C-alpha atoms as a PDB file:
ATOM      1  CA  UNK A   1     -23.696 -17.339  22.270  1.00  0.00           C
ATOM      2  CA  UNK A   2     -20.948 -19.123  20.280  1.00  0.00           C
ATOM      3  CA  UNK A   3     -23.491 -19.997  17.591  1.00  0.00           C
ATOM      4  CA  UNK A   4     -24.528 -16.331  17.282  1.00  0.00           C
ATOM      5  CA  UNK A   5     -20.905 -15.182  16.935  1.00  0.00           C
ATOM      6  CA  UNK A   6     -20.097 -17.853  14.316  1.00  0.00           C
ATOM      7  CA  UNK A   7     -23.153 -16.910  12.272  1.00  0.00           C
ATOM      8  CA  UNK A   8     -22.224 -13.234  12.516  1.00  0.00           C
ATOM      9  CA  UNK A   9     -18.725 -13.921  11.195  1.00  0.00           C
ATOM     10  CA  UNK A  10     -20.135 -15.827   8.221  1.00  0.00           C
ATOM     11  CA  UNK A  11     -22.468 -12.947   7.394  1.00  0.00           C
ATOM     12  CA  UNK A  12     -19.631 -10.421   7.525  1.00  0.00           C
ATOM     13  CA  UNK A  13     -17.598 -12.306   4.922  1.00  0.00           C
ATOM     14  CA  UNK A  14     -20.529 -12.226   2.500  1.00  0.00           C
ATOM     15  CA  UNK A  15     -21.208  -8.509   2.894  1.00  0.00           C
ATOM     16  CA  UNK A  16     -20.190  -5.433   0.952  1.00  0.00           C
ATOM     17  CA  UNK A  17     -19.304  -2.116   2.663  1.00  0.00           C
ATOM     18  CA  UNK A  18     -22.656  -0.619   1.661  1.00  0.00           C
ATOM     19  CA  UNK A  19     -24.489  -3.467   3.416  1.00  0.00           C
ATOM     20  CA  UNK A  20     -22.416  -3.291   6.607  1.00  0.00           C
ATOM     21  CA  UNK A  21     -25.136  -1.515   8.594  1.00  0.00           C
ATOM     22  CA  UNK A  22     -27.808  -4.027   7.536  1.00  0.00           C
ATOM     23  CA  UNK A  23     -25.722  -6.812   9.066  1.00  0.00           C
ATOM     24  CA  UNK A  24     -24.280  -4.891  12.006  1.00  0.00           C
ATOM     25  CA  UNK A  25     -27.727  -3.996  13.369  1.00  0.00           C
ATOM     26  CA  UNK A  26     -29.031  -7.558  13.902  1.00  0.00           C
ATOM     27  CA  UNK A  27     -25.661  -8.722  15.236  1.00  0.00           C
ATOM     28  CA  UNK A  28     -25.488  -5.907  17.758  1.00  0.00           C
ATOM     29  CA  UNK A  29     -29.109  -6.473  18.772  1.00  0.00           C
ATOM     30  CA  UNK A  30     -28.516 -10.197  19.354  1.00  0.00           C
ATOM     31  CA  UNK A  31     -25.460  -9.547  21.474  1.00  0.00           C
ATOM     32  CA  UNK A  32     -27.239  -6.811  23.406  1.00  0.00           C
ATOM     33  CA  UNK A  33     -30.258  -8.962  24.216  1.00  0.00           C
ATOM     34  CA  UNK A  34     -27.983 -11.528  25.862  1.00  0.00           C
ATOM     35  CA  UNK A  35     -27.022  -9.167  28.682  1.00  0.00           C
ATOM     36  CA  UNK A  36     -29.790  -6.590  28.449  1.00  0.00           C
ATOM     37  CA  UNK A  37     -31.412  -7.261  31.798  1.00  0.00           C
ATOM     38  CA  UNK A  38     -28.078  -7.149  33.642  1.00  0.00           C
ATOM     39  CA  UNK A  39     -26.997  -3.988  31.834  1.00  0.00           C
ATOM     40  CA  UNK A  40     -30.267  -2.253  32.689  1.00  0.00           C
ATOM     41  CA  UNK A  41     -29.941  -3.063  36.353  1.00  0.00           C
ATOM     42  CA  UNK A  42     -26.362  -1.785  36.472  1.00  0.00           C
ATOM     43  CA  UNK A  43     -27.153   1.351  34.438  1.00  0.00           C
ATOM     44  CA  UNK A  44     -30.093   2.243  36.611  1.00  0.00           C
ATOM     45  CA  UNK A  45     -33.128   1.267  34.596  1.00  0.00           C
ATOM     46  CA  UNK A  46     -34.429   0.550  31.094  1.00  0.00           C
ATOM     47  CA  UNK A  47     -33.394   2.480  28.038  1.00  0.00           C
ATOM     48  CA  UNK A  48     -33.263   2.463  24.250  1.00  0.00           C
ATOM     49  CA  UNK A  49     -30.712   0.463  22.269  1.00  0.00           C
ATOM     50  CA  UNK A  50     -30.131   1.381  18.607  1.00  0.00           C
ATOM     51  CA  UNK A  51     -27.514   0.955  15.889  1.00  0.00           C
ATOM     52  CA  UNK A  52     -26.586   3.490  13.234  1.00  0.00           C
ATOM     53  CA  UNK A  53     -23.989   4.171  10.592  1.00  0.00           C
ATOM     54  CA  UNK A  54     -22.071   7.439  10.470  1.00  0.00           C
ATOM     55  CA  UNK A  55     -20.349   8.940   7.430  1.00  0.00           C
ATOM     56  CA  UNK A  56     -17.464  11.293   6.784  1.00  0.00           C
ATOM     57  CA  UNK A  57     -15.978  12.149   3.363  1.00  0.00           C
ATOM     58  CA  UNK A  58     -12.732  10.353   2.566  1.00  0.00           C
ATOM     59  CA  UNK A  59      -9.704  12.650   2.205  1.00  0.00           C
ATOM     60  CA  UNK A  60      -8.498  13.580  -1.250  1.00  0.00           C
ATOM     61  CA  UNK A  61      -6.301  10.936  -2.835  1.00  0.00           C
ATOM     62  CA  UNK A  62      -2.634  11.824  -3.090  1.00  0.00           C
ATOM     63  CA  UNK A  63      -1.663  12.867  -6.611  1.00  0.00           C
ATOM     64  CA  UNK A  64       2.028  12.102  -6.150  1.00  0.00           C
ATOM     65  CA  UNK A  65       4.104   9.773  -8.268  1.00  0.00           C
ATOM     66  CA  UNK A  66       7.037   7.922  -6.751  1.00  0.00           C
ATOM     67  CA  UNK A  67      10.162   7.398  -8.872  1.00  0.00           C
ATOM     68  CA  UNK A  68      13.223   5.416  -7.800  1.00  0.00           C
ATOM     69  CA  UNK A  69      16.360   6.639  -9.560  1.00  0.00           C
ATOM     70  CA  UNK A  70      19.365   4.323  -9.369  1.00  0.00           C
ATOM     71  CA  UNK A  71      22.977   4.877 -10.322  1.00  0.00           C
ATOM     72  CA  UNK A  72      25.726   2.233 -10.458  1.00  0.00           C
ATOM     73  CA  UNK A  73      29.521   2.354 -10.518  1.00  0.00           C
ATOM     74  CA  UNK A  74      32.687   0.737  -9.239  1.00  0.00           C
ATOM     75  CA  UNK A  75      32.838   3.408  -6.540  1.00  0.00           C
ATOM     76  CA  UNK A  76      30.255   5.416  -4.623  1.00  0.00           C
ATOM     77  CA  UNK A  77      31.397   8.563  -6.440  1.00  0.00           C
ATOM     78  CA  UNK A  78      30.734   6.928  -9.824  1.00  0.00           C
ATOM     79  CA  UNK A  79      27.340   5.649  -8.658  1.00  0.00           C
ATOM     80  CA  UNK A  80      26.289   9.100  -7.424  1.00  0.00           C
ATOM     81  CA  UNK A  81      27.452  10.732 -10.658  1.00  0.00           C
ATOM     82  CA  UNK A  82      25.421   8.234 -12.675  1.00  0.00           C
ATOM     83  CA  UNK A  83      22.417   8.798 -10.394  1.00  0.00           C
ATOM     84  CA  UNK A  84      22.722  12.598 -10.614  1.00  0.00           C
ATOM     85  CA  UNK A  85      22.775  12.507 -14.411  1.00  0.00           C
ATOM     86  CA  UNK A  86      19.452  10.633 -14.426  1.00  0.00           C
ATOM     87  CA  UNK A  87      18.048  12.904 -11.726  1.00  0.00           C
ATOM     88  CA  UNK A  88      18.799  16.004 -13.773  1.00  0.00           C
ATOM     89  CA  UNK A  89      16.897  14.553 -16.729  1.00  0.00           C
ATOM     90  CA  UNK A  90      13.878  13.954 -14.462  1.00  0.00           C
ATOM     91  CA  UNK A  91      14.149  17.507 -13.093  1.00  0.00           C
ATOM     92  CA  UNK A  92      14.098  18.794 -16.650  1.00  0.00           C
ATOM     93  CA  UNK A  93      10.861  16.882 -17.329  1.00  0.00           C
ATOM     94  CA  UNK A  94       9.297  18.292 -14.148  1.00  0.00           C
ATOM     95  CA  UNK A  95      10.258  21.818 -15.165  1.00  0.00           C
ATOM     96  CA  UNK A  96       8.878  21.379 -18.675  1.00  0.00           C
ATOM     97  CA  UNK A  97       5.517  20.237 -17.283  1.00  0.00           C
ATOM     98  CA  UNK A  98       5.594  22.796 -14.436  1.00  0.00           C
ATOM     99  CA  UNK A  99       5.149  20.223 -11.643  1.00  0.00           C
ATOM    100  CA  UNK A 100       6.884  20.094  -8.270  1.00  0.00           C
ATOM    101  CA  UNK A 101       9.555  17.553  -7.406  1.00  0.00           C
ATOM    102  CA  UNK A 102      10.916  16.433  -4.036  1.00  0.00           C
ATOM    103  CA  UNK A 103      14.120  14.414  -3.700  1.00  0.00           C
ATOM    104  CA  UNK A 104      14.577  12.097  -0.723  1.00  0.00           C
ATOM    105  CA  UNK A 105      17.675  10.705   0.952  1.00  0.00           C
ATOM    106  CA  UNK A 106      20.155   8.529  -0.948  1.00  0.00           C
ATOM    107  CA  UNK A 107      20.440   4.851  -0.101  1.00  0.00           C
ATOM    108  CA  UNK A 108      23.614   2.905  -0.898  1.00  0.00           C
ATOM    109  CA  UNK A 109      24.149  -0.792  -1.593  1.00  0.00           C
ATOM    110  CA  UNK A 110      27.280  -2.822  -2.384  1.00  0.00           C
ATOM    111  CA  UNK A 111      27.273  -6.114  -4.290  1.00  0.00           C
ATOM    112  CA  UNK A 112      30.041  -8.419  -5.474  1.00  0.00           C
ATOM    113  CA  UNK A 113      30.074 -10.953  -8.317  1.00  0.00           C
ATOM    114  CA  UNK A 114      32.649 -13.331  -9.732  1.00  0.00           C
ATOM    115  CA  UNK A 115      34.389 -11.906 -12.821  1.00  0.00           C
ATOM    116  CA  UNK A 116      35.966 -14.616 -14.961  1.00  0.00           C
ATOM    117  CA  UNK A 117      38.855 -13.623 -17.293  1.00  0.00           C
ATOM    118  CA  UNK A 118      40.691 -15.816 -19.857  1.00  0.00           C
ATOM    119  CA  UNK A 119      44.507 -15.816 -19.579  1.00  0.00           C
ATOM    120  CA  UNK A 120      47.228 -17.238 -21.941  1.00  0.00           C
ATOM    121  CA  UNK A 121      50.437 -18.862 -20.744  1.00  0.00           C
ATOM    122  CA  UNK A 122      52.566 -18.123 -23.850  1.00  0.00           C
ATOM    123  CA  UNK A 123      50.744 -15.384 -25.746  1.00  0.00           C
ATOM    124  CA  UNK A 124      47.354 -13.686 -25.877  1.00  0.00           C
ATOM    125  CA  UNK A 125      45.028 -15.050 -28.588  1.00  0.00           C
ATOM    126  CA  UNK A 126      42.400 -12.856 -30.106  1.00  0.00           C
ATOM    127  CA  UNK A 127      39.713 -14.768 -28.267  1.00  0.00           C
ATOM    128  CA  UNK A 128      38.953 -18.096 -26.653  1.00  0.00           C
ATOM    129  CA  UNK A 129      37.587 -19.515 -29.920  1.00  0.00           C
ATOM    130  CA  UNK A 130      40.895 -18.836 -31.717  1.00  0.00           C
ATOM    131  CA  UNK A 131      42.810 -20.549 -28.912  1.00  0.00           C
ATOM    132  CA  UNK A 132      40.596 -23.616 -29.161  1.00  0.00           C
ATOM    133  CA  UNK A 133      41.144 -23.795 -32.931  1.00  0.00           C
ATOM    134  CA  UNK A 134      44.912 -23.582 -32.520  1.00  0.00           C
ATOM    135  CA  UNK A 135      44.854 -26.390 -29.987  1.00  0.00           C
ATOM    136  CA  UNK A 136      42.875 -28.593 -32.393  1.00  0.00           C
ATOM    137  CA  UNK A 137      45.375 -27.970 -35.211  1.00  0.00           C
ATOM    138  CA  UNK A 138      48.362 -28.637 -32.992  1.00  0.00           C
ATOM    139  CA  UNK A 139      46.983 -32.002 -31.965  1.00  0.00           C
ATOM    140  CA  UNK A 140      47.370 -33.340 -35.552  1.00  0.00           C
ATOM    141  CA  UNK A 141      50.806 -31.828 -36.349  1.00  0.00           C
ATOM    142  CA  UNK A 142      53.843 -34.152 -36.673  1.00  0.00           C
ATOM    143  CA  UNK A 143      56.440 -31.780 -35.315  1.00  0.00           C
ATOM    144  CA  UNK A 144      55.228 -32.182 -31.745  1.00  0.00           C
ATOM    145  CA  UNK A 145      54.368 -28.523 -31.312  1.00  0.00           C
ATOM    146  CA  UNK A 146      51.606 -27.729 -28.850  1.00  0.00           C
ATOM    147  CA  UNK A 147      48.974 -25.047 -28.698  1.00  0.00           C
ATOM    148  CA  UNK A 148      49.226 -22.339 -26.113  1.00  0.00           C
ATOM    149  CA  UNK A 149      47.685 -23.199 -22.744  1.00  0.00           C
ATOM    150  CA  UNK A 150      44.494 -21.289 -21.999  1.00  0.00           C
ATOM    151  CA  UNK A 151      43.183 -20.952 -18.432  1.00  0.00           C
ATOM    152  CA  UNK A 152      40.555 -18.949 -16.579  1.00  0.00           C
ATOM    153  CA  UNK A 153      41.139 -16.725 -13.567  1.00  0.00           C
ATOM    154  CA  UNK A 154      38.390 -15.409 -11.289  1.00  0.00           C
ATOM    155  CA  UNK A 155      38.272 -12.092  -9.474  1.00  0.00           C
ATOM    156  CA  UNK A 156      35.604 -10.274  -7.476  1.00  0.00           C
ATOM    157  CA  UNK A 157      33.817  -7.434  -9.300  1.00  0.00           C
ATOM    158  CA  UNK A 158      32.295  -4.910  -6.889  1.00  0.00           C
ATOM    159  CA  UNK A 159      29.352  -2.665  -7.786  1.00  0.00           C
ATOM    160  CA  UNK A 160      28.133   0.276  -5.711  1.00  0.00           C
ATOM    161  CA  UNK A 161      24.504   1.362  -6.156  1.00  0.00           C
ATOM    162  CA  UNK A 162      23.131   4.769  -5.149  1.00  0.00           C
ATOM    163  CA  UNK A 163      19.331   4.994  -5.123  1.00  0.00           C
ATOM    164  CA  UNK A 164      17.127   7.980  -4.361  1.00  0.00           C
ATOM    165  CA  UNK A 165      13.338   8.155  -4.110  1.00  0.00           C
ATOM    166  CA  UNK A 166      11.774  11.122  -5.877  1.00  0.00           C
ATOM    167  CA  UNK A 167       8.218  12.347  -5.276  1.00  0.00           C
ATOM    168  CA  UNK A 168       6.889  14.195  -8.284  1.00  0.00           C
ATOM    169  CA  UNK A 169       3.558  15.942  -8.721  1.00  0.00           C
ATOM    170  CA  UNK A 170       1.029  14.226 -10.973  1.00  0.00           C
ATOM    171  CA  UNK A 171      -0.147  16.530 -13.803  1.00  0.00           C
ATOM    172  CA  UNK A 172      -3.755  16.629 -14.983  1.00  0.00           C
ATOM    173  CA  UNK A 173      -5.175  13.704 -16.954  1.00  0.00           C
ATOM    174  CA  UNK A 174      -4.872  15.544 -20.286  1.00  0.00           C
ATOM    175  CA  UNK A 175      -1.103  15.963 -19.968  1.00  0.00           C
ATOM    176  CA  UNK A 176      -0.454  12.709 -18.111  1.00  0.00           C
ATOM    177  CA  UNK A 177       0.323  10.435 -21.129  1.00  0.00           C
ATOM    178  CA  UNK A 178       2.873  12.889 -22.540  1.00  0.00           C
ATOM    179  CA  UNK A 179       4.332  13.315 -19.047  1.00  0.00           C
ATOM    180  CA  UNK A 180       4.851   9.570 -18.596  1.00  0.00           C
ATOM    181  CA  UNK A 181       6.385   9.301 -22.074  1.00  0.00           C
ATOM    182  CA  UNK A 182       8.807  12.104 -21.214  1.00  0.00           C
ATOM    183  CA  UNK A 183       9.841  10.267 -18.031  1.00  0.00           C
ATOM    184  CA  UNK A 184      10.480   7.107 -20.043  1.00  0.00           C
ATOM    185  CA  UNK A 185      12.661   9.070 -22.478  1.00  0.00           C
ATOM    186  CA  UNK A 186      14.531  10.461 -19.473  1.00  0.00           C
ATOM    187  CA  UNK A 187      15.446   6.898 -18.476  1.00  0.00           C
ATOM    188  CA  UNK A 188      12.863   6.254 -15.754  1.00  0.00           C
ATOM    189  CA  UNK A 189      12.150   2.525 -15.356  1.00  0.00           C
ATOM    190  CA  UNK A 190      10.733   2.415 -11.796  1.00  0.00           C
ATOM    191  CA  UNK A 191       7.518   4.437 -11.523  1.00  0.00           C
ATOM    192  CA  UNK A 192       4.734   4.036  -8.938  1.00  0.00           C
ATOM    193  CA  UNK A 193       1.549   6.014  -9.502  1.00  0.00           C
ATOM    194  CA  UNK A 194       0.181   6.054  -5.923  1.00  0.00           C
ATOM    195  CA  UNK A 195      -3.202   7.278  -7.176  1.00  0.00           C
ATOM    196  CA  UNK A 196      -4.013   3.694  -8.072  1.00  0.00           C
ATOM    197  CA  UNK A 197      -3.028   2.226  -4.722  1.00  0.00           C
ATOM    198  CA  UNK A 198      -2.769  -1.501  -4.153  1.00  0.00           C
ATOM    199  CA  UNK A 199      -5.242  -3.535  -6.173  1.00  0.00           C
ATOM    200  CA  UNK A 200      -6.420  -6.508  -4.113  1.00  0.00           C
ATOM    201  CA  UNK A 201      -9.120  -7.583  -6.542  1.00  0.00           C
ATOM    202  CA  UNK A 202     -12.129  -9.377  -5.086  1.00  0.00           C
ATOM    203  CA  UNK A 203     -10.645  -9.295  -1.585  1.00  0.00           C
ATOM    204  CA  UNK A 204     -10.854  -5.495  -1.420  1.00  0.00           C
ATOM    205  CA  UNK A 205     -14.466  -5.232  -0.069  1.00  0.00           C
ATOM    206  CA  UNK A 206     -13.855  -7.893   2.587  1.00  0.00           C
ATOM    207  CA  UNK A 207     -10.608  -6.309   3.777  1.00  0.00           C
ATOM    208  CA  UNK A 208     -12.358  -2.950   3.946  1.00  0.00           C
ATOM    209  CA  UNK A 209     -15.141  -4.435   6.078  1.00  0.00           C
ATOM    210  CA  UNK A 210     -12.636  -5.961   8.478  1.00  0.00           C
ATOM    211  CA  UNK A 211     -10.597  -2.769   8.744  1.00  0.00           C
ATOM    212  CA  UNK A 212      -7.576  -4.335   7.007  1.00  0.00           C
ATOM    213  CA  UNK A 213      -7.526  -2.122   3.917  1.00  0.00           C
ATOM    214  CA  UNK A 214      -4.504  -0.100   5.022  1.00  0.00           C
ATOM    215  CA  UNK A 215      -3.929   1.336   1.553  1.00  0.00           C
ATOM    216  CA  UNK A 216      -7.088   3.442   1.899  1.00  0.00           C
ATOM    217  CA  UNK A 217      -7.035   4.230   5.624  1.00  0.00           C
ATOM    218  CA  UNK A 218      -8.315   7.838   5.970  1.00  0.00           C
ATOM    219  CA  UNK A 219      -6.815   8.335   9.435  1.00  0.00           C
ATOM    220  CA  UNK A 220      -8.221   8.634  12.940  1.00  0.00           C
ATOM    221  CA  UNK A 221      -9.579  12.167  12.455  1.00  0.00           C
ATOM    222  CA  UNK A 222     -11.905  10.956   9.699  1.00  0.00           C
ATOM    223  CA  UNK A 223     -12.882   7.795  11.592  1.00  0.00           C
ATOM    224  CA  UNK A 224     -13.692   9.826  14.709  1.00  0.00           C
ATOM    225  CA  UNK A 225     -15.829  12.261  12.716  1.00  0.00           C
ATOM    226  CA  UNK A 226     -17.756   9.350  11.192  1.00  0.00           C
ATOM    227  CA  UNK A 227     -18.225   7.863  14.671  1.00  0.00           C
ATOM    228  CA  UNK A 228     -19.632  11.134  15.993  1.00  0.00           C
ATOM    229  CA  UNK A 229     -22.012  11.270  13.037  1.00  0.00           C
ATOM    230  CA  UNK A 230     -23.110   7.712  13.801  1.00  0.00           C
ATOM    231  CA  UNK A 231     -23.867   8.568  17.438  1.00  0.00           C
ATOM    232  CA  UNK A 232     -25.855  11.624  16.300  1.00  0.00           C
ATOM    233  CA  UNK A 233     -27.891   9.459  13.901  1.00  0.00           C
ATOM    234  CA  UNK A 234     -28.422   6.922  16.674  1.00  0.00           C
ATOM    235  CA  UNK A 235     -29.766   9.650  18.968  1.00  0.00           C
ATOM    236  CA  UNK A 236     -32.237  10.767  16.284  1.00  0.00           C
ATOM    237  CA  UNK A 237     -33.534   7.181  16.047  1.00  0.00           C
ATOM    238  CA  UNK A 238     -33.691   6.771  19.821  1.00  0.00           C
ATOM    239  CA  UNK A 239     -35.592  10.049  20.270  1.00  0.00           C
ATOM    240  CA  UNK A 240     -38.248   8.841  17.848  1.00  0.00           C
ATOM    241  CA  UNK A 241     -38.541   5.540  19.712  1.00  0.00           C
ATOM    242  CA  UNK A 242     -38.737   7.268  23.104  1.00  0.00           C
ATOM    243  CA  UNK A 243     -41.374   9.710  21.854  1.00  0.00           C
ATOM    244  CA  UNK A 244     -43.453   6.834  20.481  1.00  0.00           C
ATOM    245  CA  UNK A 245     -43.427   5.243  23.943  1.00  0.00           C
ATOM    246  CA  UNK A 246     -44.375   8.494  25.624  1.00  0.00           C
ATOM    247  CA  UNK A 247     -41.024   9.020  27.298  1.00  0.00           C
ATOM    248  CA  UNK A 248     -38.145  11.477  26.993  1.00  0.00           C
ATOM    249  CA  UNK A 249     -34.695  10.313  25.939  1.00  0.00           C
ATOM    250  CA  UNK A 250     -31.863  10.662  28.433  1.00  0.00           C
ATOM    251  CA  UNK A 251     -28.061  10.544  28.221  1.00  0.00           C
ATOM    252  CA  UNK A 252     -25.865   8.021  26.446  1.00  0.00           C
ATOM    253  CA  UNK A 253     -25.016   5.064  28.667  1.00  0.00           C
ATOM    254  CA  UNK A 254     -23.023   2.887  26.298  1.00  0.00           C
ATOM    255  CA  UNK A 255     -21.365   3.253  22.865  1.00  0.00           C
ATOM    256  CA  UNK A 256     -19.590   0.547  20.880  1.00  0.00           C
ATOM    257  CA  UNK A 257     -17.918   0.835  17.460  1.00  0.00           C
ATOM    258  CA  UNK A 258     -19.026  -2.251  15.543  1.00  0.00           C
ATOM    259  CA  UNK A 259     -17.322  -1.812  12.195  1.00  0.00           C
ATOM    260  CA  UNK A 260     -15.163   0.490  10.109  1.00  0.00           C
ATOM    261  CA  UNK A 261     -15.317   0.454   6.319  1.00  0.00           C
ATOM    262  CA  UNK A 262     -15.507   2.776   3.327  1.00  0.00           C
ATOM    263  CA  UNK A 263     -17.266   2.889  -0.017  1.00  0.00           C
ATOM    264  CA  UNK A 264     -14.568   4.868  -1.791  1.00  0.00           C
ATOM    265  CA  UNK A 265     -16.238   8.213  -1.162  1.00  0.00           C
ATOM    266  CA  UNK A 266     -17.142   8.099   2.533  1.00  0.00           C
ATOM    267  CA  UNK A 267     -15.646   6.521   5.629  1.00  0.00           C
ATOM    268  CA  UNK A 268     -18.367   4.430   7.300  1.00  0.00           C
ATOM    269  CA  UNK A 269     -18.552   3.628  11.018  1.00  0.00           C
ATOM    270  CA  UNK A 270     -21.323   1.437  12.463  1.00  0.00           C
ATOM    271  CA  UNK A 271     -22.073   2.063  16.147  1.00  0.00           C
ATOM    272  CA  UNK A 272     -24.300   0.520  18.799  1.00  0.00           C
ATOM    273  CA  UNK A 273     -25.604   3.029  21.359  1.00  0.00           C
ATOM    274  CA  UNK A 274     -27.707   2.598  24.511  1.00  0.00           C
ATOM    275  CA  UNK A 275     -29.557   5.633  25.826  1.00  0.00           C
ATOM    276  CA  UNK A 276     -31.277   5.971  29.130  1.00  0.00           C
ATOM    277  CA  UNK A 277     -34.600   7.722  29.737  1.00  0.00           C
ATOM    278  CA  UNK A 278     -34.821  11.181  31.245  1.00  0.00           C
ATOM    279  CA  UNK A 279     -37.629  10.169  33.653  1.00  0.00           C
END
């Protein structure tokens, strides 16, 4: 049994979502054969065991764009004012392109950094370079005069940041380039076009097969609909098998969801179903 499971895992890693059913069928059959006689005795007699793959259309992809607008200042009031000025420019772009905009809650952050300032003991030179030059000249004078003493003092500079997440409707593809350019001119530097999702490269098909592709999870309603479709397809297969053996198909005795995946258009659910006979 361990050998069968290990071989099944190796096959899954080499599969694509479209080939999931081709692999799931033999795996389910091998596992089922292991305990078939016991299952039949418990269930009350022989039956028909089949696998099938159900489908349900994936939901429409969100057309929203996410923009993070950040304002900074020495105080929260200054940070919010800076943030609001940028937000108004983004609102103006949304109005010009006739798209909806939704503003979320504001998040605040406070940071502190060392601020070094040059100070002069006797007088204030124009800059540190001038002070250094004066010190060099004084070192070669005969009258014993000295250059002014220059020192550095440190203080803490505090910055308050106010950030808000804005959800803005994505215009059609024809107007999209001009729309993005307008956002850039409005000062937007943090834009996430959620239509693209997370690109996982060559790992994407494998994560989809294993149910780990959370960026394209259609939700339980879609998965359940695909499961029901799979059971219906399994019944159609089982009825043909029962008719070929001269018997009438009975109720479902066992259902197992083998795999969830998607091909971009449809959610795919592979199921293993055991039916009993009516007589």
